[in-house]
């Protein structure tokens, strides 16, 4: 199963997207991460062999191995791209459909080793309703996926190493079932300590990786290049919004994979190559990202320095990423028209605020199941602090004159900042 095409494709998709441009050693892939999840799954099954039967053990291992096969190029970058162009399903739906509809031959070739486990049983773990009892182990508030990628990303980027001891967690800090419910439950002593370690690691991840200015610049430039490419007839990006939006009509029993735009199932290099081939503008932007020659940031506002109206607007659009893209484009168009710039000279970047799922981890506290945020003041504090890493950015082409840069920064500050009018919210 490790050698199947769907999994081997992940060898060509970077785990942390464009962050490798800031952290040169962060070239690890989704494939490595998937193997790591399998390794943790095996540790978990060994620890709870009296609770997890043989067939359930196969289910957990296979689901851990295949959980990311639905990812597109540059991992979460392409997932956000899809959402901002109208696709309202997650990469887990794509994973489910790949397993259910496209991997029958793979399961058939290993059937004698895995008993009655088949593609349908594995795909049910990735259902949106999380009806399978093992769904929370693979994709929950604290799960195999999170345990591996937080450690792996920390190691390869060099941030916050050593805050999580996987062996101690599995051997001393968790239960797998509680009152008939299946999942990872942390005990009130070692468990809380471990959960706080996860939160601190996530905290570092947001501050140093996700909201790193160079990473945000790279993602914003590629988003802008995609916007330009969607208007170019003959480009594989042409009509992207219509193609993705149409998939929302698919029922739960239909396969979305066969109807996905080919560019979404590309790997990193193929995605950038096809984008760069669209026209001279997209090529120039892709080359800049490739050689780490980012656009300049003329304004960077943190959450507390943004006008309350703008903060409220961002939060109101959390479940409407397509509307955030439209909002960005309206402000871009206004600034571009005011200062007579080319469409590719200016980028407005309004990211979604971070979501800290770990605070919802289930803690066994005083013999009751509670949420971590309800029993740990530090967890609640770290949840609130995570917003402080969020930044709104205005990027400009290095060719933009100093006078225009100053005026763009001044006008943008009035639109968005706490000291300004907050009028940027009215443009949404």
Foldseek 3Di string as FASTA:
>chain_A
DLPDPLLVLQQQAFPQFLLCLVQVLRRGTPNVLLVQLLVLLVLLCVLVVVPQDLLNSVLSNVLSNQQQSLAFHSGVLLQLVLLLLAFQDGSLLQSLLCLQPPCQVVCVVCCVVNPPDGSNNNSQLSDPVNPDLCVQQNDNLDHSSLVRVLQVVCVRRVHDHDLADSNCCSNPFWDQDDPRGGHTAGEPPVRLSRLVSSLVSVLCCLQPRVLDPLSLQLSQLLSLLLVVLCVQPPQLSPPQSVQNNVLVPDDSPDRCNVSHRVLRRHYHVVNLVSSLPRDVSSVVSSVCSVVSVGFDWLDKDAPQFWAPLVNVLLVVCLSRSNVVVQLFVLVLVVLCVVVVHDSSFKGKDQDRQDDNSSQQHWYCDPNDTGGNVVPDVVSVVSRVCSSRSGMITMGGHPVDDPVSSVVVRVVVCQCITNPHDVVSSVSD
